[in-house]
Every structure is written in structure tokens, then in C-alpha cells.
Protein backbone atom coordinates (compact mmCIF):
# COMPACT_ATOMS: atom_id res chain seq x y z
CA MET A 1 72.04 108.22 124.57
CA ARG A 2 72.16 105.89 127.53
CA TRP A 3 74.66 107.20 130.06
CA ILE A 4 75.93 104.19 132.03
CA SER A 5 79.01 103.63 134.13
CA THR A 6 80.16 100.12 134.92
CA ALA A 7 80.97 101.08 138.50
CA VAL A 8 78.23 101.00 141.10
CA LEU A 9 78.52 104.43 142.64
CA LEU A 10 75.92 104.32 145.38
CA VAL A 11 76.45 102.89 148.85
CA PHE A 12 74.03 102.49 151.66
CA ALA A 13 74.67 103.19 155.32
CA ALA A 14 73.98 100.67 157.99
CA ALA A 15 70.81 101.35 159.99
CA CYS A 16 72.78 102.17 163.10
CA ASN A 17 75.32 104.65 161.70
CA ASP A 18 75.30 108.46 161.61
CA ASN A 19 73.47 108.60 158.27
CA THR A 20 70.26 107.35 159.78
CA GLY A 21 67.22 109.43 158.90
CA PRO A 22 64.88 111.03 161.40
CA GLN A 23 62.72 107.91 161.61
CA GLY A 24 65.76 105.65 162.00
CA THR A 25 65.67 104.37 158.41
CA ALA A 26 68.84 103.88 156.40
CA GLU A 27 69.66 106.77 154.10
CA PRO A 28 71.87 106.44 151.02
CA LEU A 29 75.23 108.18 151.12
CA ALA A 30 76.39 110.64 148.47
CA LEU A 31 78.00 109.33 145.33
CA ILE A 32 81.49 108.15 146.19
CA ARG A 33 82.97 109.04 142.77
CA PRO A 34 81.34 112.37 141.91
CA GLN A 35 83.66 113.01 138.99
CA GLN A 36 82.19 110.02 137.12
CA ALA A 37 78.83 109.59 135.45
CA PRO A 38 76.43 107.78 137.79
CA ASP A 39 75.19 104.30 137.05
CA MET A 40 71.58 104.93 136.04
CA SER A 41 70.27 101.54 137.15
CA ALA A 42 71.84 101.91 140.58
CA LEU A 43 70.49 105.44 140.85
CA SER A 44 66.99 104.25 139.98
CA ARG A 45 67.19 101.70 142.79
CA ALA A 46 68.36 104.28 145.33
CA LEU A 47 66.06 107.12 144.27
CA PRO A 48 62.33 106.33 144.16
CA GLY A 49 60.64 107.87 141.13
CA PHE A 50 63.92 108.53 139.31
CA GLY A 51 63.19 109.15 135.62
CA GLY A 52 66.56 110.10 134.14
CA LEU A 53 69.61 112.32 134.58
CA PHE A 54 71.26 114.68 132.11
CA VAL A 55 73.37 117.85 132.20
CA ASP A 56 71.70 121.02 130.92
CA HIS A 57 74.13 123.91 130.36
CA GLY A 58 76.38 122.52 133.07
CA VAL A 59 73.61 121.83 135.59
CA PRO A 60 72.79 118.20 136.45
CA THR A 61 69.05 117.81 135.87
CA VAL A 62 66.91 114.98 137.22
CA TYR A 63 63.43 113.79 136.32
CA LEU A 64 61.37 112.60 139.30
CA THR A 65 57.90 111.11 139.16
CA ASP A 66 57.72 111.81 142.90
CA LEU A 67 58.86 115.37 143.58
CA GLY A 68 58.88 114.57 147.27
CA GLN A 69 62.19 112.78 146.67
CA ARG A 70 63.96 116.03 145.75
CA GLY A 71 65.94 116.14 149.01
CA LEU A 72 67.24 112.64 148.51
CA ALA A 73 68.17 113.45 144.91
CA GLU A 74 70.14 116.47 146.10
CA ARG A 75 72.02 114.39 148.66
CA LEU A 76 72.81 111.65 146.18
CA LEU A 77 73.95 113.94 143.38
CA GLY A 78 75.40 116.92 145.25
CA GLY A 79 78.98 115.76 144.76
CA PHE A 80 78.35 115.05 141.10
CA ALA A 81 77.04 118.60 140.66
CA ARG A 82 79.91 120.23 142.53
CA ALA A 83 82.49 118.28 140.52
CA ARG A 84 81.05 119.95 137.41
CA GLY A 85 81.08 123.43 138.86
CA ALA A 86 77.33 123.55 139.58
CA THR A 87 75.98 124.72 142.91
CA GLY A 88 73.24 122.11 142.89
CA ILE A 89 70.86 120.08 140.75
CA ARG A 90 67.67 120.95 138.91
CA VAL A 91 64.59 118.75 139.36
CA LEU A 92 61.89 118.33 136.70
CA ALA A 93 58.57 116.55 137.00
CA GLY A 94 58.89 113.25 135.16
CA ARG A 95 56.06 111.26 133.63
CA PHE A 96 57.82 107.91 133.56
CA ALA A 97 60.16 106.01 135.88
CA TYR A 98 63.55 105.02 134.57
CA ARG A 99 62.91 101.32 135.26
CA ASP A 100 59.83 101.39 133.02
CA LEU A 101 61.62 103.36 130.31
CA ASP A 102 64.49 100.89 130.36
CA LYS A 103 62.13 97.93 129.90
CA TRP A 104 60.28 99.68 127.06
CA PHE A 105 63.60 100.63 125.47
CA GLN A 106 64.70 96.99 125.46
CA ASP A 107 61.35 95.74 124.15
CA VAL A 108 61.14 98.30 121.35
CA SER A 109 64.79 97.84 120.37
CA ASN A 110 64.36 94.09 120.11
CA GLU A 111 61.50 94.42 117.62
CA VAL A 112 61.59 97.71 115.72
CA PHE A 113 64.74 97.17 113.62
CA ALA A 114 62.90 94.42 111.77
CA GLN A 115 60.74 97.14 110.19
CA GLY A 116 63.73 98.49 108.28
CA ARG A 117 64.93 102.09 107.91
CA VAL A 118 65.36 102.41 111.66
CA VAL A 119 68.51 104.38 112.54
CA PHE A 120 68.57 104.07 116.33
CA VAL A 121 66.62 103.40 119.53
CA ASP A 122 67.53 105.34 122.65
CA LEU A 123 66.41 105.72 126.24
CA ASP A 124 66.41 109.51 126.09
CA GLU A 125 67.16 110.69 129.62
CA ALA A 126 66.85 114.33 128.58
CA GLN A 127 63.24 113.88 127.43
CA ASN A 128 62.03 111.13 129.81
CA ARG A 129 61.01 109.09 126.77
CA VAL A 130 62.07 106.22 124.52
CA LEU A 131 63.29 107.79 121.28
CA VAL A 132 63.34 106.04 117.91
CA GLY A 133 65.18 107.60 114.97
CA VAL A 134 64.08 106.61 111.48
CA GLU A 135 65.27 107.56 108.02
CA ARG A 136 63.44 110.40 106.32
CA GLY A 137 60.25 109.15 104.71
CA ALA A 138 59.97 106.11 106.97
CA SER A 139 56.64 105.69 108.78
CA HIS A 140 56.44 107.15 112.27
CA ALA A 141 52.99 105.60 112.69
CA ASN A 142 54.34 102.08 112.21
CA VAL A 143 56.83 102.60 115.03
CA ARG A 144 54.12 103.90 117.32
CA ALA A 145 51.86 100.97 116.43
CA LEU A 146 54.61 98.52 117.28
CA ALA A 147 55.27 100.25 120.59
CA ALA A 148 51.56 100.11 121.42
CA ARG A 149 51.49 96.35 120.73
CA LEU A 150 54.39 96.00 123.14
CA GLY A 151 52.47 97.83 125.86
CA VAL A 152 54.39 101.10 125.68
CA PRO A 153 52.21 104.15 126.45
CA ASP A 154 51.98 106.44 123.44
CA GLU A 155 53.25 109.37 125.52
CA ALA A 156 56.40 107.40 126.38
CA ILE A 157 57.56 107.01 122.77
CA ALA A 158 59.02 109.71 120.52
CA VAL A 159 59.86 109.21 116.85
CA ARG A 160 61.96 111.57 114.76
CA ASP A 161 63.71 111.64 111.40
CA ALA A 162 67.44 110.94 111.53
CA GLU A 163 70.29 110.71 109.08
CA PRO A 164 71.57 107.17 108.45
CA ILE A 165 74.76 106.26 110.30
CA HIS A 166 77.63 104.74 108.33
CA TYR A 167 81.00 103.26 109.14
CA MET A 168 83.48 106.11 109.35
CA ALA A 169 86.13 106.27 106.62
CA THR A 170 89.16 108.48 106.25
CA LEU A 171 90.72 110.14 103.26
CA ARG A 172 93.26 107.29 103.31
CA ASP A 173 90.71 104.47 103.20
CA GLN A 174 89.15 102.79 100.19
CA VAL A 175 86.06 104.85 99.38
CA ARG A 176 83.49 104.25 96.66
CA PRO A 177 82.22 106.10 94.81
CA VAL A 178 85.54 107.86 94.36
CA VAL A 179 85.46 111.58 95.24
CA ALA A 180 88.00 114.39 95.34
CA GLY A 181 90.45 114.58 98.24
CA LEU A 182 91.06 110.84 98.60
CA GLN A 183 94.46 109.20 98.72
CA ILE A 184 95.79 107.64 95.52
CA ASN A 185 98.87 105.50 95.03
CA PHE A 186 101.13 105.24 91.97
CA GLY A 187 104.47 103.46 91.99
CA ASN A 188 105.94 104.04 95.45
CA PHE A 189 104.24 107.39 95.98
CA LEU A 190 101.05 108.86 97.42
CA CYS A 191 99.03 111.85 96.18
CA SER A 192 95.44 113.10 96.32
CA ILE A 193 92.63 113.22 93.80
CA GLY A 194 91.99 116.79 92.66
CA PHE A 195 88.55 116.43 91.13
CA ASN A 196 86.48 114.16 88.94
CA ALA A 197 85.70 115.20 85.38
CA THR A 198 84.56 113.96 82.03
CA SER A 199 86.49 114.82 78.88
CA GLY A 200 84.89 114.00 75.55
CA GLY A 201 82.61 111.63 77.45
CA GLN A 202 85.53 109.83 79.14
CA ALA A 203 85.14 109.39 82.91
CA SER A 204 88.27 110.79 84.51
CA PHE A 205 89.96 112.37 87.49
CA VAL A 206 92.55 115.12 87.63
CA THR A 207 95.61 115.10 89.88
CA ALA A 208 99.04 116.73 89.73
CA SER A 209 101.35 116.17 86.78
CA HIS A 210 104.17 115.32 89.16
CA CYS A 211 101.86 112.61 90.59
CA THR A 212 102.75 110.47 87.57
CA ASN A 213 105.66 108.18 86.84
CA ARG A 214 107.19 110.97 84.70
CA GLN A 215 106.15 114.60 85.06
CA GLY A 216 104.99 115.96 81.70
CA GLY A 217 104.17 113.49 78.92
CA VAL A 218 101.91 110.45 78.95
CA GLU A 219 103.43 107.12 79.94
CA GLY A 220 100.30 105.38 81.22
CA THR A 221 100.77 105.74 84.99
CA GLN A 222 98.40 103.40 86.82
CA TYR A 223 96.55 104.57 89.91
CA PHE A 224 95.19 102.74 92.93
CA GLN A 225 92.84 103.95 95.65
CA PRO A 226 93.98 103.92 98.36
CA LEU A 227 96.93 101.54 97.81
CA ALA A 228 98.04 98.99 95.24
CA SER A 229 98.22 96.47 98.09
CA THR A 230 94.48 96.87 98.78
CA ALA A 231 92.11 94.43 97.06
CA ASN A 232 90.14 95.80 94.10
CA SER A 233 91.96 99.13 94.32
CA PHE A 234 92.95 99.80 90.68
CA ILE A 235 90.98 102.83 89.51
CA GLY A 236 92.53 104.27 86.35
CA THR A 237 95.33 105.13 83.97
CA GLU A 238 96.97 108.42 83.00
CA VAL A 239 95.78 109.62 79.58
CA ALA A 240 96.62 113.36 79.42
CA ASP A 241 99.72 115.16 80.69
CA PRO A 242 101.20 117.78 78.34
CA LYS A 243 104.98 118.01 78.02
CA TYR A 244 106.79 121.00 79.46
CA PHE A 245 107.88 123.64 76.95
CA ARG A 246 110.73 126.11 76.55
CA GLY A 247 110.70 129.63 75.11
CA ALA A 248 107.47 131.52 74.36
CA GLY A 249 107.26 133.22 77.75
CA CYS A 250 109.18 130.58 79.70
CA PRO A 251 112.24 131.99 81.54
CA LYS A 252 115.61 131.28 79.95
CA GLY A 253 117.13 127.95 80.87
CA ARG A 254 113.82 126.71 82.29
CA LYS A 255 110.92 124.57 81.12
CA CYS A 256 107.36 125.59 81.82
CA ARG A 257 103.70 124.82 81.95
CA PHE A 258 100.66 126.73 83.13
CA SER A 259 99.44 123.87 85.32
CA ASP A 260 100.90 121.00 87.28
CA ALA A 261 97.94 118.80 86.29
CA SER A 262 97.29 115.49 84.57
CA ARG A 263 94.17 113.49 83.77
CA ALA A 264 93.58 109.79 84.29
CA ALA A 265 90.72 107.76 82.79
CA TYR A 266 88.72 105.66 85.21
CA ALA A 267 88.83 101.91 84.68
CA ALA A 268 85.58 100.31 83.60
CA GLY A 269 83.17 99.76 86.47
CA VAL A 270 84.83 102.09 88.98
CA PRO A 271 82.08 104.22 90.56
CA PHE A 272 82.83 107.90 90.98
CA ALA A 273 80.88 111.01 91.99
CA LEU A 274 81.16 113.85 89.50
CA GLY A 275 81.41 117.10 91.42
CA GLY A 276 81.92 115.40 94.79
CA ILE A 277 84.57 116.39 97.34
CA ALA A 278 85.12 114.31 100.49
CA ALA A 279 84.28 116.54 103.47
CA THR A 280 85.90 116.19 106.88
CA SER A 281 84.56 117.74 110.09
CA GLY A 282 85.80 121.23 109.28
CA PRO A 283 88.79 123.31 108.28
CA ASN A 284 92.10 123.51 110.12
CA ASN A 285 91.38 120.88 112.77
CA GLY A 286 93.61 118.11 111.39
CA SER A 287 90.83 115.56 110.92
CA ILE A 288 90.91 113.19 107.96
CA ASP A 289 87.67 111.42 108.94
CA ILE A 290 85.08 111.73 106.18
CA THR A 291 81.78 113.16 107.40
CA GLY A 292 80.00 113.80 104.12
CA THR A 293 80.39 115.25 100.65
CA ILE A 294 80.71 118.81 99.37
CA ALA A 295 79.16 119.40 95.94
CA ILE A 296 80.95 121.40 93.27
CA THR A 297 78.38 123.64 91.59
CA ALA A 298 80.61 126.06 89.67
CA GLU A 299 84.12 126.80 88.44
CA GLY A 300 85.80 130.12 89.15
CA ASP A 301 88.85 132.14 90.03
CA ALA A 302 90.12 133.80 93.21
CA VAL A 303 91.64 137.16 94.01
CA VAL A 304 94.02 138.22 96.74
CA GLY A 305 92.21 138.19 100.07
CA ASP A 306 89.66 135.53 99.14
CA VAL A 307 89.22 132.64 101.58
CA VAL A 308 89.78 129.29 99.88
CA ASN A 309 90.01 125.65 100.90
CA LYS A 310 91.68 122.40 100.03
CA ILE A 311 91.04 118.81 101.13
CA GLY A 312 93.87 116.28 100.78
CA ARG A 313 94.96 112.94 102.18
CA THR A 314 97.68 114.28 104.52
CA THR A 315 96.43 117.41 106.25
CA GLY A 316 92.73 117.04 105.50
CA TRP A 317 90.72 120.22 105.17
CA THR A 318 92.75 123.42 105.43
CA GLN A 319 91.55 126.94 104.79
CA GLY A 320 93.25 130.29 104.37
CA THR A 321 93.49 133.46 102.35
CA VAL A 322 94.89 133.96 98.86
CA SER A 323 98.14 135.92 99.21
CA ALA A 324 99.19 136.21 95.55
CA THR A 325 97.84 135.37 92.10
CA CYS A 326 99.38 134.70 88.69
CA VAL A 327 102.79 134.00 90.21
CA ASN A 328 105.50 132.46 88.03
CA THR A 329 106.74 129.86 90.46
CA GLY A 330 110.07 128.04 90.42
CA VAL A 331 110.08 124.49 91.75
CA SER A 332 112.96 123.87 94.16
CA GLY A 333 115.54 121.36 92.96
CA THR A 334 114.29 121.40 89.34
CA ASN A 335 114.48 123.58 86.24
CA ILE A 336 110.66 123.87 86.16
CA VAL A 337 108.72 127.12 86.38
CA GLN A 338 104.95 126.90 86.76
CA LEU A 339 103.48 130.00 85.15
CA CYS A 340 100.67 132.09 86.64
CA GLN A 341 100.00 130.13 89.83
CA THR A 342 98.11 131.09 93.01
CA PHE A 343 99.49 131.21 96.57
CA VAL A 344 97.35 130.52 99.66
CA ASP A 345 98.30 130.96 103.31
CA ALA A 346 96.98 127.63 104.58
CA GLY A 347 98.31 124.30 105.82
CA VAL A 348 99.72 121.62 103.53
CA GLY A 349 101.80 118.46 103.77
CA GLY A 350 103.51 115.86 101.61
CA GLY A 351 100.91 113.73 99.83
CA ASP A 352 98.44 116.61 99.48
CA SER A 353 99.65 117.16 95.91
CA GLY A 354 96.79 116.96 93.46
CA SER A 355 94.22 118.11 96.03
CA ASP A 356 91.11 120.01 95.06
CA VAL A 357 91.09 123.75 95.79
CA PHE A 358 87.72 125.42 96.17
CA ALA A 359 85.77 128.34 97.54
CA LEU A 360 82.80 127.53 99.75
CA ALA A 361 79.49 129.33 100.00
CA GLY A 362 76.17 128.04 101.28
CA GLY A 363 77.47 124.48 101.56
CA SER A 364 78.46 124.19 97.89
CA ALA A 365 81.84 124.63 96.27
CA THR A 366 83.28 126.64 93.41
CA LEU A 367 86.18 124.67 91.96
CA LEU A 368 89.30 126.81 91.71
CA GLY A 369 92.04 124.38 90.72
CA ASP A 370 94.41 121.71 92.01
CA LEU A 371 97.17 122.00 94.62
CA TRP A 372 100.68 120.90 93.72
CA GLY A 373 103.17 122.51 96.11
CA GLY A 374 103.89 124.46 99.24
CA ASN A 375 106.61 125.85 101.48
CA SER A 376 108.77 123.69 103.72
CA ALA A 377 107.01 124.97 106.85
CA GLY A 378 103.68 123.63 105.58
CA THR A 379 101.99 127.01 106.06
CA MET A 380 101.46 128.01 102.42
CA PHE A 381 100.28 126.07 99.38
CA VAL A 382 100.37 126.72 95.65
CA TYR A 383 97.69 125.71 93.18
CA SER A 384 97.10 125.78 89.43
CA PRO A 385 93.93 127.69 88.54
CA ILE A 386 91.17 125.72 86.80
CA ALA A 387 91.40 127.95 83.71
CA ASN A 388 95.06 127.02 83.34
CA ILE A 389 94.27 123.34 83.79
CA GLU A 390 91.61 123.37 81.08
CA SER A 391 93.84 125.35 78.73
CA GLU A 392 96.28 122.42 78.86
CA LEU A 393 94.07 119.37 79.41
CA GLY A 394 91.15 120.60 77.28
CA PRO A 395 87.56 121.33 78.29
CA LEU A 396 86.40 119.40 81.35
CA THR A 397 82.96 118.77 82.79
CA THR A 398 83.51 118.92 86.54
CA PHE A 399 79.99 118.93 88.02
């Protein structure tokens, strides 16, 4: 990555001042703002043979095509090194001057994207080369041939495979295909998608039963992703949401179910990824930026002490340990008891209802259920196990 500051950080002394060299020639002063990254172009003008600057394990490291300029490099960059806690700089023999690399970088960048499947072009200061990243399977030879036609020495160009770079989206943005963990909107409320599924061949997603216009019973709740106010955001309609029952194992004076889950059928033409969970940058860091997708490859159950995860629109990816299983759980402010639920010591917030809950191993997920509640402190969540969900919604294909 090109490391450029807009400020010109090098100054030159007048020929008659105290910074005059032994032969009376003007000598550049040290960087006047050592806490900032140097301007590479200015540095290349002040330091003959300069080929690039980078920091290696905290040590500023400089390429020089003329190692005789080491003393000047140390004077110019001593303050920069000290500001970063280094005692000095490291000098490496460089093959190419920065000025040449910069010209080749511009020339290659101007032409190579026309080939297609090019991810980036970089003046790579850490390698003293021009680096071109291409999608996997794209021709490296074609890039090198183009560089040769532009007069770039073959040794000055490096080509490597790179993952495509996309616009970043969050769990609260419109995302297609639709995956688990994204924000959904119904009425005046927000929830999260638990997981995609097919039921009897019908493309569907599962969320919480209380993420419907009426908890328990089908009234055709319509869902939007991420918001009804967003263009082309309608994604589906509630089609399965069993009514709550009394008696038969339900505590006296209460109504019960074994899952707080409902199923909505996708509208025609809405793309969705079966078995896909939106992944953020990692658990318990608060990020809701989507960085990829986690694949569900199995369904399962958890026991006390297992580490499990959830990804939802409010708190993103949180992870913690299962603290209790098969808990008959009263819902504050209602006469509802959810039977045989699982408690997890992990973060949660309003709007996370419906979120996927999963165990993670080797980069793939075992689907455990859907989240529907938590404590007021946001430090513990409750989910309905997948077996309970399928006992009420019927068999589901989830991956």
C-alpha cells in the first residue's frame, strides 16, 4: 500500500548554516514531524537511491540502491524511528529506485485493469516491487506481458492471487442474497433472520414468533429487509407460527410453546443463501460489518459448558458458554412460558431476536437454534433449540 502524507516533511539547510557537510555542501535536516509518516516522493528527492520505506516489527526499514547513502538515511529518519520506539533504522539493498517504481506503478495501473479480474495494483514498499493482485485463476503471465510491453523489468513486477474486494455492508444494510443474521423489519419493529430453510420445497426463513404482528398463530406478517422504507425490500410473508397451548405440561395459568419461532415464505424472486450466516470480523468486538459468510453444515444440540455463538443485527457476533439447558423460561410481563430452552452467557441487545445460534468448528457452523430473549443487562441470551423448532414448525432443510 502506498504510504503518503500530504505534508512535505523534509527541509534543506542553507549552504552557509551549521548543517553544512564536510565539503561545504548542503545537508538535509531531520524530519520535522517524526510522528507522521514521511512523504515518499519528498524522501526520494532528498535521499539518493531511496527504494521504499516500511516498518518491520516496529523498526523503520529502508531500501537503498546505493548503500553509501545509509548515513543520510539515518539522519533523515532518526526522529521517525525514535517516535516509534526504535533505536534506529534498518537498511536493505534495493534493486529499484522509488521514482522508477512509482512511474511503473502508474503505467501498469493505467492499463492492467482493462484485462479484467484485476483486484489491485500497488507500489509495494516492503518488497521494492510493483505488486498486482488478481483473482484466483486469472493469468499471471498476461500481467507480466503487459508490464514488459510498458518497459517494466520483469524483476520489478510481482503478481499474486487475491480475494475480490467488495463494498462493505452491515447487518443493517440491504444484502442479497439474504443470509442469517440480517436485520428485518415488520410493522414498526426490527428483528433478525435466524436461518434460511426449505419446508416441503417452499423457500423460507425462520425468525422469532414474537417477531410477528401477533405472537403465536398465522396472520400473514410481511417482512422487509432491511426496512420497509428501502426500495425493493419486501422479502416474504409469515406462513407458520403455531398457537400457544395450555395444559399438557404447561404450568398452571400460563400458555406455552417449545420454541419462540415462526417461518416466513420468501417472495418470488428474492435470492437467498441456504445455510449461509453473515459473518462479521469476529466475536465480542461489537462490529456489525459483514466480512464474509459462515456455512451451516450440520444441526445439533449443546450441553452446559459448550461455547456457542449468535449473529444478530444489534450486537453482531457474540460468543459465550452455555450455562443451562432445557430451562422452562417465563417471559417477563406476559403469561408465556417457553419450555425447555437454553441459556448462554453472551452479549445480546434489542433487535437480536430471531438470530441464528450456532457452534463453530473449522470455519463451518452447526445450527443450534434461534435466539429470542435475554436479561436486562444484555449479558445472557436465551434460545430455542433446533429440535424444538422443528417439532413445532415441521421438518426443515437448513443447509
